[in-house]
Amino acid sequence: MAESPAAFLSYVHFDDEHDNGRITEFRKHLSAEVRVQTGKDFPIFQDKKIEWGENWKKRIQKSLTGSTFLIPVLTPNFFNSEACLEELEIFLKREKQLKRGDLILPVYYIEKVTKAHEGKTG
């Protein structure tokens, strides 16, 4: 791994697969847009890039603790995923150690439908 990623994408694989790779496409577009806007690379770690034979757990841990930002893709599945919740917990501890509160950039990918929303249009 040449450089630490600027951000770590925390998501559930099933959500990405279910939407035909839309979360992966979002990561690519976000990384490119930041580069266009700033003129600097903005690599976002996604666990699809782990090399065969590489210690995946160690690679995820290193990428998570080396990233400046955490981008959790919030879905109902995210909150049911032990791995995603562990990533969030690790990053929250890191953010607290840095005395920061602005390094987690959540993406609300699926809005939970509630009784208040049912029947409303627009």
C-alpha atoms as a PDB file:
ATOM      1  CA  MET A   1       0.000   0.000   0.000  1.00  0.00           C
ATOM      2  CA  ALA A   2       1.744   3.134  -1.238  1.00  0.00           C
ATOM      3  CA  GLU A   3      -0.148   5.807   0.679  1.00  0.00           C
ATOM      4  CA  SER A   4      -2.763   5.999   3.380  1.00  0.00           C
ATOM      5  CA  PRO A   5      -6.257   6.632   2.070  1.00  0.00           C
ATOM      6  CA  ALA A   6      -7.835  10.004   2.793  1.00  0.00           C
ATOM      7  CA  ALA A   7     -11.096   8.292   3.719  1.00  0.00           C
ATOM      8  CA  PHE A   8     -12.427   4.870   4.630  1.00  0.00           C
ATOM      9  CA  LEU A   9     -15.727   3.700   3.132  1.00  0.00           C
ATOM     10  CA  SER A  10     -17.692   1.575   5.608  1.00  0.00           C
ATOM     11  CA  TYR A  11     -20.611  -0.230   3.974  1.00  0.00           C
ATOM     12  CA  VAL A  12     -22.365  -3.567   3.662  1.00  0.00           C
ATOM     13  CA  HIS A  13     -21.389  -5.609   0.603  1.00  0.00           C
ATOM     14  CA  PHE A  14     -24.950  -6.840   0.104  1.00  0.00           C
ATOM     15  CA  ASP A  15     -26.218  -3.251  -0.267  1.00  0.00           C
ATOM     16  CA  ASP A  16     -23.651  -2.561  -2.987  1.00  0.00           C
ATOM     17  CA  GLU A  17     -24.367  -5.849  -4.770  1.00  0.00           C
ATOM     18  CA  HIS A  18     -28.134  -5.345  -4.501  1.00  0.00           C
ATOM     19  CA  ASP A  19     -27.854  -1.948  -6.193  1.00  0.00           C
ATOM     20  CA  ASN A  20     -25.520  -3.197  -8.936  1.00  0.00           C
ATOM     21  CA  GLY A  21     -22.415  -1.532  -7.533  1.00  0.00           C
ATOM     22  CA  ARG A  22     -23.909   1.906  -6.902  1.00  0.00           C
ATOM     23  CA  ILE A  23     -21.974   2.332  -3.649  1.00  0.00           C
ATOM     24  CA  THR A  24     -18.735   1.503  -5.475  1.00  0.00           C
ATOM     25  CA  GLU A  25     -19.671   4.011  -8.182  1.00  0.00           C
ATOM     26  CA  PHE A  26     -20.434   6.617  -5.509  1.00  0.00           C
ATOM     27  CA  ARG A  27     -16.929   6.108  -4.060  1.00  0.00           C
ATOM     28  CA  LYS A  28     -15.327   6.562  -7.473  1.00  0.00           C
ATOM     29  CA  HIS A  29     -17.350   9.705  -8.220  1.00  0.00           C
ATOM     30  CA  LEU A  30     -16.720  11.237  -4.797  1.00  0.00           C
ATOM     31  CA  SER A  31     -12.985  10.629  -5.050  1.00  0.00           C
ATOM     32  CA  ALA A  32     -12.885  12.154  -8.541  1.00  0.00           C
ATOM     33  CA  GLU A  33     -15.048  15.139  -7.573  1.00  0.00           C
ATOM     34  CA  VAL A  34     -12.798  16.049  -4.642  1.00  0.00           C
ATOM     35  CA  ARG A  35      -9.817  15.823  -6.993  1.00  0.00           C
ATOM     36  CA  VAL A  36     -11.521  18.091  -9.533  1.00  0.00           C
ATOM     37  CA  GLN A  37     -12.445  20.616  -6.829  1.00  0.00           C
ATOM     38  CA  THR A  38      -9.068  20.631  -5.023  1.00  0.00           C
ATOM     39  CA  GLY A  39      -6.530  19.468  -7.574  1.00  0.00           C
ATOM     40  CA  LYS A  40      -5.347  16.816  -5.100  1.00  0.00           C
ATOM     41  CA  ASP A  41      -5.900  13.072  -5.005  1.00  0.00           C
ATOM     42  CA  PHE A  42      -8.527  11.900  -2.518  1.00  0.00           C
ATOM     43  CA  PRO A  43      -8.135   8.124  -2.276  1.00  0.00           C
ATOM     44  CA  ILE A  44     -11.034   6.393  -0.540  1.00  0.00           C
ATOM     45  CA  PHE A  45     -10.376   2.911   0.802  1.00  0.00           C
ATOM     46  CA  GLN A  46     -12.947   0.306  -0.142  1.00  0.00           C
ATOM     47  CA  ASP A  47     -12.331  -3.288   0.835  1.00  0.00           C
ATOM     48  CA  LYS A  48     -12.813  -4.474  -2.751  1.00  0.00           C
ATOM     49  CA  LYS A  49      -9.185  -3.526  -3.402  1.00  0.00           C
ATOM     50  CA  ILE A  50      -7.610  -6.075  -1.075  1.00  0.00           C
ATOM     51  CA  GLU A  51      -5.038  -8.222  -2.879  1.00  0.00           C
ATOM     52  CA  TRP A  52      -5.366 -11.986  -2.960  1.00  0.00           C
ATOM     53  CA  GLY A  53      -3.423 -13.560  -0.085  1.00  0.00           C
ATOM     54  CA  GLU A  54      -3.235 -10.286   1.839  1.00  0.00           C
ATOM     55  CA  ASN A  55      -4.223 -10.323   5.516  1.00  0.00           C
ATOM     56  CA  TRP A  56      -7.573  -8.592   4.981  1.00  0.00           C
ATOM     57  CA  LYS A  57      -8.317  -7.867   8.634  1.00  0.00           C
ATOM     58  CA  LYS A  58      -4.905  -6.242   9.132  1.00  0.00           C
ATOM     59  CA  ARG A  59      -5.302  -4.281   5.886  1.00  0.00           C
ATOM     60  CA  ILE A  60      -8.726  -2.980   6.933  1.00  0.00           C
ATOM     61  CA  GLN A  61      -7.424  -2.021  10.388  1.00  0.00           C
ATOM     62  CA  LYS A  62      -4.421  -0.190   8.892  1.00  0.00           C
ATOM     63  CA  SER A  63      -6.567   1.640   6.353  1.00  0.00           C
ATOM     64  CA  LEU A  64      -9.157   2.570   8.970  1.00  0.00           C
ATOM     65  CA  THR A  65      -6.645   3.966  11.447  1.00  0.00           C
ATOM     66  CA  GLY A  66      -4.662   5.706   8.694  1.00  0.00           C
ATOM     67  CA  SER A  67      -7.637   7.504   7.147  1.00  0.00           C
ATOM     68  CA  THR A  68      -8.534  11.096   7.911  1.00  0.00           C
ATOM     69  CA  PHE A  69     -12.259  10.573   7.340  1.00  0.00           C
ATOM     70  CA  LEU A  70     -14.762   7.772   7.828  1.00  0.00           C
ATOM     71  CA  ILE A  71     -17.603   7.604   5.310  1.00  0.00           C
ATOM     72  CA  PRO A  72     -20.222   5.214   6.679  1.00  0.00           C
ATOM     73  CA  VAL A  73     -22.946   4.344   4.166  1.00  0.00           C
ATOM     74  CA  LEU A  74     -25.976   4.166   6.430  1.00  0.00           C
ATOM     75  CA  THR A  75     -28.589   1.564   5.621  1.00  0.00           C
ATOM     76  CA  PRO A  76     -30.644  -0.755   7.834  1.00  0.00           C
ATOM     77  CA  ASN A  77     -28.051  -3.452   7.024  1.00  0.00           C
ATOM     78  CA  PHE A  78     -25.223  -1.190   8.241  1.00  0.00           C
ATOM     79  CA  PHE A  79     -26.700  -1.139  11.743  1.00  0.00           C
ATOM     80  CA  ASN A  80     -27.041  -4.951  11.678  1.00  0.00           C
ATOM     81  CA  SER A  81     -23.433  -5.482  10.597  1.00  0.00           C
ATOM     82  CA  GLU A  82     -20.954  -6.293  13.368  1.00  0.00           C
ATOM     83  CA  ALA A  83     -18.068  -5.364  11.059  1.00  0.00           C
ATOM     84  CA  CYS A  84     -19.506  -1.941  10.191  1.00  0.00           C
ATOM     85  CA  LEU A  85     -20.326  -1.158  13.818  1.00  0.00           C
ATOM     86  CA  GLU A  86     -16.803  -2.195  14.826  1.00  0.00           C
ATOM     87  CA  GLU A  87     -15.320   0.108  12.170  1.00  0.00           C
ATOM     88  CA  LEU A  88     -17.473   2.950  13.455  1.00  0.00           C
ATOM     89  CA  GLU A  89     -16.465   2.269  17.057  1.00  0.00           C
ATOM     90  CA  ILE A  90     -12.746   2.169  16.183  1.00  0.00           C
ATOM     91  CA  PHE A  91     -12.993   5.426  14.279  1.00  0.00           C
ATOM     92  CA  LEU A  92     -15.033   7.142  17.012  1.00  0.00           C
ATOM     93  CA  LYS A  93     -12.253   6.318  19.495  1.00  0.00           C
ATOM     94  CA  ARG A  94      -9.672   7.713  17.091  1.00  0.00           C
ATOM     95  CA  GLU A  95     -11.708  10.863  16.536  1.00  0.00           C
ATOM     96  CA  LYS A  96     -11.991  11.338  20.307  1.00  0.00           C
ATOM     97  CA  GLN A  97      -8.219  10.894  20.738  1.00  0.00           C
ATOM     98  CA  LEU A  98      -7.684  13.597  18.136  1.00  0.00           C
ATOM     99  CA  LYS A  99     -10.178  15.825  20.003  1.00  0.00           C
ATOM    100  CA  ARG A 100     -12.233  16.151  16.834  1.00  0.00           C
ATOM    101  CA  GLY A 101     -15.894  15.699  16.121  1.00  0.00           C
ATOM    102  CA  ASP A 102     -16.022  16.326  12.405  1.00  0.00           C
ATOM    103  CA  LEU A 103     -14.211  13.431  10.744  1.00  0.00           C
ATOM    104  CA  ILE A 104     -17.206  11.139  10.178  1.00  0.00           C
ATOM    105  CA  LEU A 105     -19.118  11.971   7.015  1.00  0.00           C
ATOM    106  CA  PRO A 106     -22.238   9.769   6.979  1.00  0.00           C
ATOM    107  CA  VAL A 107     -24.095   9.017   3.773  1.00  0.00           C
ATOM    108  CA  TYR A 108     -27.779   8.378   4.368  1.00  0.00           C
ATOM    109  CA  TYR A 109     -28.201   5.834   1.585  1.00  0.00           C
ATOM    110  CA  ILE A 110     -31.615   4.448   2.517  1.00  0.00           C
ATOM    111  CA  GLU A 111     -34.107   6.401   4.554  1.00  0.00           C
ATOM    112  CA  LYS A 112     -36.096   4.269   6.929  1.00  0.00           C
ATOM    113  CA  VAL A 113     -39.795   4.591   6.218  1.00  0.00           C
ATOM    114  CA  THR A 114     -41.792   5.515   9.304  1.00  0.00           C
ATOM    115  CA  LYS A 115     -45.498   5.892   9.901  1.00  0.00           C
ATOM    116  CA  ALA A 116     -45.062   9.672   9.665  1.00  0.00           C
ATOM    117  CA  HIS A 117     -43.664   9.332   6.121  1.00  0.00           C
ATOM    118  CA  GLU A 118     -46.192   6.842   4.834  1.00  0.00           C
ATOM    119  CA  GLY A 119     -48.810   8.357   2.614  1.00  0.00           C
ATOM    120  CA  LYS A 120     -46.889  11.604   2.063  1.00  0.00           C
ATOM    121  CA  THR A 121     -45.940  12.652  -1.425  1.00  0.00           C
ATOM    122  CA  GLY A 122     -43.113  14.842  -2.649  1.00  0.00           C
END
